[in-house]
Amino acid sequence: MKFCSKCGAQVHDDAVICVSCGCAIEGANRPVRQLKTTRGLLKYIIFSLITFGIYPLVMMTLVGEEMNLVASKYDGKKTMNFCLVAFIFSWLTFGIVPLVWYHNISKRMGNELARRGIAYSFGAGSFWGWNILGAFIVIGPLVYTHKFCKAINLINENYNING
């Protein structure tokens, strides 16, 4: 156990702030910045319609950056910027690179959920099952988008607390 340098209260070893006085704990593994935890399917659909499809590009770009911030020091990987995938590589590869991008980010998110001990089932199988095969039942991509948003929200929430 550690002690707060301001008030002297005993704090847990993993604590970022003192519960007694609210002061930041020196040497704590604090997050670089607070990440967004309010993504959801309804917001995704409404903003996609309002912005004529620009919102999904922005959201996926931000999710890639957030995964780089959260997971790169543990897995040594970098997720490619989604705008590069969408505007350059997608048409050059006849749509293959976006499939690979979604597979990789889903797998990486699933690995990060497991590493952080978050009990939520998500991964590359979710992408292939819900987004690709689920397209045959029409609602599959919506289920995948919901699971995707929930997974990144859980990861970001854990990062905001634990770093």
C-alpha atoms as a PDB file:
ATOM      1  CA  MET A   1       0.000   0.000   0.000  1.00  0.00           C
ATOM      2  CA  LYS A   2       1.054   3.585  -0.689  1.00  0.00           C
ATOM      3  CA  PHE A   3       0.287   6.854   1.026  1.00  0.00           C
ATOM      4  CA  CYS A   4      -1.019  10.126  -0.436  1.00  0.00           C
ATOM      5  CA  SER A   5       1.680  12.801  -0.495  1.00  0.00           C
ATOM      6  CA  LYS A   6      -0.882  15.550   0.259  1.00  0.00           C
ATOM      7  CA  CYS A   7      -3.055  14.195   3.083  1.00  0.00           C
ATOM      8  CA  GLY A   8      -1.151  11.061   4.145  1.00  0.00           C
ATOM      9  CA  ALA A   9      -4.113   8.707   3.675  1.00  0.00           C
ATOM     10  CA  GLN A  10      -3.401   5.115   2.732  1.00  0.00           C
ATOM     11  CA  VAL A  11      -4.200   4.392  -0.943  1.00  0.00           C
ATOM     12  CA  HIS A  12      -4.217   1.217  -3.001  1.00  0.00           C
ATOM     13  CA  ASP A  13      -1.090   0.475  -5.062  1.00  0.00           C
ATOM     14  CA  ASP A  14      -2.995   0.840  -8.351  1.00  0.00           C
ATOM     15  CA  ALA A  15      -4.792   4.044  -7.338  1.00  0.00           C
ATOM     16  CA  VAL A  16      -4.518   7.083  -9.602  1.00  0.00           C
ATOM     17  CA  ILE A  17      -6.192   9.536  -7.204  1.00  0.00           C
ATOM     18  CA  CYS A  18      -6.571   9.683  -3.423  1.00  0.00           C
ATOM     19  CA  VAL A  19     -10.113   8.889  -2.319  1.00  0.00           C
ATOM     20  CA  SER A  20      -9.723  11.095   0.744  1.00  0.00           C
ATOM     21  CA  CYS A  21      -8.607  14.375  -0.804  1.00  0.00           C
ATOM     22  CA  GLY A  22      -8.888  13.800  -4.580  1.00  0.00           C
ATOM     23  CA  CYS A  23      -5.238  14.641  -5.249  1.00  0.00           C
ATOM     24  CA  ALA A  24      -3.344  12.793  -8.013  1.00  0.00           C
ATOM     25  CA  ILE A  25      -1.014  10.048  -6.766  1.00  0.00           C
ATOM     26  CA  GLU A  26       2.601  10.627  -7.770  1.00  0.00           C
ATOM     27  CA  GLY A  27       4.109   7.898  -9.937  1.00  0.00           C
ATOM     28  CA  ALA A  28       0.711   6.348 -10.718  1.00  0.00           C
ATOM     29  CA  ASN A  29       0.142   4.795 -14.126  1.00  0.00           C
ATOM     30  CA  ARG A  30      -2.194   7.560 -15.302  1.00  0.00           C
ATOM     31  CA  PRO A  31      -3.796   7.608 -18.725  1.00  0.00           C
ATOM     32  CA  VAL A  32      -2.441  10.089 -21.254  1.00  0.00           C
ATOM     33  CA  ARG A  33      -5.944  11.494 -21.773  1.00  0.00           C
ATOM     34  CA  GLN A  34      -9.530  10.498 -21.106  1.00  0.00           C
ATOM     35  CA  LEU A  35     -10.961   8.421 -23.946  1.00  0.00           C
ATOM     36  CA  LYS A  36     -14.545   8.513 -25.194  1.00  0.00           C
ATOM     37  CA  THR A  37     -16.902   5.923 -23.663  1.00  0.00           C
ATOM     38  CA  THR A  38     -20.248   6.992 -25.156  1.00  0.00           C
ATOM     39  CA  ARG A  39     -20.286   5.277 -28.530  1.00  0.00           C
ATOM     40  CA  GLY A  40     -23.406   3.336 -29.402  1.00  0.00           C
ATOM     41  CA  LEU A  41     -25.400   1.866 -32.263  1.00  0.00           C
ATOM     42  CA  LEU A  42     -28.180   4.464 -32.242  1.00  0.00           C
ATOM     43  CA  LYS A  43     -25.708   7.367 -32.208  1.00  0.00           C
ATOM     44  CA  TYR A  44     -23.754   5.641 -35.009  1.00  0.00           C
ATOM     45  CA  ILE A  45     -26.848   5.294 -37.203  1.00  0.00           C
ATOM     46  CA  ILE A  46     -28.210   8.812 -36.584  1.00  0.00           C
ATOM     47  CA  PHE A  47     -24.856  10.565 -37.043  1.00  0.00           C
ATOM     48  CA  SER A  48     -24.133   8.478 -40.144  1.00  0.00           C
ATOM     49  CA  LEU A  49     -27.363   9.669 -41.720  1.00  0.00           C
ATOM     50  CA  ILE A  50     -26.920  13.298 -40.654  1.00  0.00           C
ATOM     51  CA  THR A  51     -23.314  13.493 -41.914  1.00  0.00           C
ATOM     52  CA  PHE A  52     -23.964  11.481 -45.103  1.00  0.00           C
ATOM     53  CA  GLY A  53     -21.530   8.741 -44.078  1.00  0.00           C
ATOM     54  CA  ILE A  54     -18.694  10.888 -42.718  1.00  0.00           C
ATOM     55  CA  TYR A  55     -19.248   9.952 -39.061  1.00  0.00           C
ATOM     56  CA  PRO A  56     -18.299   6.256 -39.521  1.00  0.00           C
ATOM     57  CA  LEU A  57     -14.998   7.316 -41.143  1.00  0.00           C
ATOM     58  CA  VAL A  58     -14.209   9.630 -38.237  1.00  0.00           C
ATOM     59  CA  MET A  59     -15.272   7.102 -35.611  1.00  0.00           C
ATOM     60  CA  MET A  60     -13.221   4.251 -37.077  1.00  0.00           C
ATOM     61  CA  THR A  61     -10.195   6.543 -37.400  1.00  0.00           C
ATOM     62  CA  LEU A  62     -10.528   7.547 -33.733  1.00  0.00           C
ATOM     63  CA  VAL A  63     -11.007   3.936 -32.628  1.00  0.00           C
ATOM     64  CA  GLY A  64      -7.804   2.961 -34.447  1.00  0.00           C
ATOM     65  CA  GLU A  65      -5.905   5.789 -32.748  1.00  0.00           C
ATOM     66  CA  GLU A  66      -7.352   4.871 -29.355  1.00  0.00           C
ATOM     67  CA  MET A  67      -6.372   1.222 -29.768  1.00  0.00           C
ATOM     68  CA  ASN A  68      -2.851   2.341 -30.670  1.00  0.00           C
ATOM     69  CA  LEU A  69      -2.731   4.434 -27.500  1.00  0.00           C
ATOM     70  CA  VAL A  70      -4.195   1.736 -25.246  1.00  0.00           C
ATOM     71  CA  ALA A  71      -2.603  -1.452 -26.583  1.00  0.00           C
ATOM     72  CA  SER A  72       0.591  -0.673 -28.524  1.00  0.00           C
ATOM     73  CA  LYS A  73       2.877  -0.807 -25.507  1.00  0.00           C
ATOM     74  CA  TYR A  74       1.591  -4.325 -24.764  1.00  0.00           C
ATOM     75  CA  ASP A  75       1.222  -5.906 -28.195  1.00  0.00           C
ATOM     76  CA  GLY A  76       3.735  -3.850 -30.212  1.00  0.00           C
ATOM     77  CA  LYS A  77       1.254  -3.320 -33.074  1.00  0.00           C
ATOM     78  CA  LYS A  78      -0.114  -0.225 -34.794  1.00  0.00           C
ATOM     79  CA  THR A  79      -3.525  -0.013 -36.432  1.00  0.00           C
ATOM     80  CA  MET A  80      -3.491   1.727 -39.811  1.00  0.00           C
ATOM     81  CA  ASN A  81      -5.447   4.970 -40.144  1.00  0.00           C
ATOM     82  CA  PHE A  82      -8.937   4.112 -41.369  1.00  0.00           C
ATOM     83  CA  CYS A  83      -9.042   7.024 -43.836  1.00  0.00           C
ATOM     84  CA  LEU A  84      -6.064   5.502 -45.671  1.00  0.00           C
ATOM     85  CA  VAL A  85      -7.882   2.186 -45.726  1.00  0.00           C
ATOM     86  CA  ALA A  86     -11.152   3.696 -46.971  1.00  0.00           C
ATOM     87  CA  PHE A  87      -9.883   6.196 -49.522  1.00  0.00           C
ATOM     88  CA  ILE A  88      -6.741   4.611 -50.936  1.00  0.00           C
ATOM     89  CA  PHE A  89      -6.322   0.924 -50.203  1.00  0.00           C
ATOM     90  CA  SER A  90      -9.929  -0.162 -50.451  1.00  0.00           C
ATOM     91  CA  TRP A  91     -10.325   0.506 -54.164  1.00  0.00           C
ATOM     92  CA  LEU A  92      -6.736  -0.528 -54.973  1.00  0.00           C
ATOM     93  CA  THR A  93      -7.308  -3.958 -53.446  1.00  0.00           C
ATOM     94  CA  PHE A  94     -10.935  -4.390 -54.530  1.00  0.00           C
ATOM     95  CA  GLY A  95     -12.177  -4.198 -50.935  1.00  0.00           C
ATOM     96  CA  ILE A  96      -9.732  -6.677 -49.366  1.00  0.00           C
ATOM     97  CA  VAL A  97      -7.820  -4.224 -47.109  1.00  0.00           C
ATOM     98  CA  PRO A  98     -10.972  -3.006 -45.260  1.00  0.00           C
ATOM     99  CA  LEU A  99     -11.814  -6.647 -44.471  1.00  0.00           C
ATOM    100  CA  VAL A 100      -8.297  -7.182 -43.137  1.00  0.00           C
ATOM    101  CA  TRP A 101      -8.475  -3.911 -41.165  1.00  0.00           C
ATOM    102  CA  TYR A 102     -11.758  -4.871 -39.471  1.00  0.00           C
ATOM    103  CA  HIS A 103     -10.461  -8.398 -38.787  1.00  0.00           C
ATOM    104  CA  ASN A 104      -7.274  -7.037 -37.203  1.00  0.00           C
ATOM    105  CA  ILE A 105      -8.931  -4.329 -35.100  1.00  0.00           C
ATOM    106  CA  SER A 106     -11.582  -6.758 -33.869  1.00  0.00           C
ATOM    107  CA  LYS A 107      -8.928  -9.313 -32.958  1.00  0.00           C
ATOM    108  CA  ARG A 108      -6.827  -6.648 -31.251  1.00  0.00           C
ATOM    109  CA  MET A 109      -9.833  -5.388 -29.275  1.00  0.00           C
ATOM    110  CA  GLY A 110     -10.654  -8.958 -28.207  1.00  0.00           C
ATOM    111  CA  ASN A 111      -7.061  -9.474 -27.052  1.00  0.00           C
ATOM    112  CA  GLU A 112      -7.120  -6.186 -25.130  1.00  0.00           C
ATOM    113  CA  LEU A 113     -10.418  -7.103 -23.445  1.00  0.00           C
ATOM    114  CA  ALA A 114      -8.852 -10.390 -22.322  1.00  0.00           C
ATOM    115  CA  ARG A 115      -5.599  -8.743 -21.202  1.00  0.00           C
ATOM    116  CA  ARG A 116      -7.509  -6.247 -19.081  1.00  0.00           C
ATOM    117  CA  GLY A 117      -9.720  -8.985 -17.604  1.00  0.00           C
ATOM    118  CA  ILE A 118     -12.939  -7.554 -19.027  1.00  0.00           C
ATOM    119  CA  ALA A 119     -15.585 -10.265 -19.369  1.00  0.00           C
ATOM    120  CA  TYR A 120     -16.998  -9.445 -22.792  1.00  0.00           C
ATOM    121  CA  SER A 121     -16.966 -11.708 -25.837  1.00  0.00           C
ATOM    122  CA  PHE A 122     -15.628  -9.881 -28.886  1.00  0.00           C
ATOM    123  CA  GLY A 123     -12.953 -10.580 -31.480  1.00  0.00           C
ATOM    124  CA  ALA A 124     -12.256 -11.396 -35.104  1.00  0.00           C
ATOM    125  CA  GLY A 125     -14.940 -14.090 -34.968  1.00  0.00           C
ATOM    126  CA  SER A 126     -17.482 -11.387 -34.138  1.00  0.00           C
ATOM    127  CA  PHE A 127     -16.501  -9.538 -37.307  1.00  0.00           C
ATOM    128  CA  TRP A 128     -16.725 -12.579 -39.579  1.00  0.00           C
ATOM    129  CA  GLY A 129     -19.825 -13.997 -37.900  1.00  0.00           C
ATOM    130  CA  TRP A 130     -21.937 -10.908 -37.432  1.00  0.00           C
ATOM    131  CA  ASN A 131     -20.689  -8.411 -40.001  1.00  0.00           C
ATOM    132  CA  ILE A 132     -19.977 -10.748 -42.925  1.00  0.00           C
ATOM    133  CA  LEU A 133     -22.153 -13.849 -42.493  1.00  0.00           C
ATOM    134  CA  GLY A 134     -24.766 -11.890 -40.531  1.00  0.00           C
ATOM    135  CA  ALA A 135     -25.300  -9.679 -43.581  1.00  0.00           C
ATOM    136  CA  PHE A 136     -27.409 -12.538 -44.997  1.00  0.00           C
ATOM    137  CA  ILE A 137     -29.934 -11.974 -42.209  1.00  0.00           C
ATOM    138  CA  VAL A 138     -29.687  -8.179 -42.693  1.00  0.00           C
ATOM    139  CA  ILE A 139     -29.445  -7.352 -38.975  1.00  0.00           C
ATOM    140  CA  GLY A 140     -25.977  -8.931 -38.533  1.00  0.00           C
ATOM    141  CA  PRO A 141     -23.926  -5.804 -39.305  1.00  0.00           C
ATOM    142  CA  LEU A 142     -26.024  -3.849 -36.788  1.00  0.00           C
ATOM    143  CA  VAL A 143     -25.286  -6.451 -34.113  1.00  0.00           C
ATOM    144  CA  TYR A 144     -21.578  -6.271 -34.966  1.00  0.00           C
ATOM    145  CA  THR A 145     -21.588  -2.463 -34.782  1.00  0.00           C
ATOM    146  CA  HIS A 146     -23.295  -2.624 -31.377  1.00  0.00           C
ATOM    147  CA  LYS A 147     -20.741  -5.158 -30.111  1.00  0.00           C
ATOM    148  CA  PHE A 148     -17.887  -3.101 -31.599  1.00  0.00           C
ATOM    149  CA  CYS A 149     -19.066   0.086 -29.849  1.00  0.00           C
ATOM    150  CA  LYS A 150     -19.584  -1.712 -26.551  1.00  0.00           C
ATOM    151  CA  ALA A 151     -16.131  -3.342 -26.730  1.00  0.00           C
ATOM    152  CA  ILE A 152     -14.295  -0.067 -27.387  1.00  0.00           C
ATOM    153  CA  ASN A 153     -16.348   1.664 -24.668  1.00  0.00           C
ATOM    154  CA  LEU A 154     -15.348  -1.031 -22.145  1.00  0.00           C
ATOM    155  CA  ILE A 155     -11.682  -0.837 -23.146  1.00  0.00           C
ATOM    156  CA  ASN A 156     -11.667   2.961 -22.964  1.00  0.00           C
ATOM    157  CA  GLU A 157     -13.496   2.980 -19.635  1.00  0.00           C
ATOM    158  CA  ASN A 158     -10.921   0.581 -18.178  1.00  0.00           C
ATOM    159  CA  TYR A 159      -8.083   2.668 -19.629  1.00  0.00           C
ATOM    160  CA  ASN A 160      -9.540   5.883 -18.173  1.00  0.00           C
ATOM    161  CA  ILE A 161      -9.504   4.288 -14.724  1.00  0.00           C
ATOM    162  CA  ASN A 162      -6.372   2.127 -14.803  1.00  0.00           C
ATOM    163  CA  GLY A 163      -4.210   3.597 -17.508  1.00  0.00           C
END
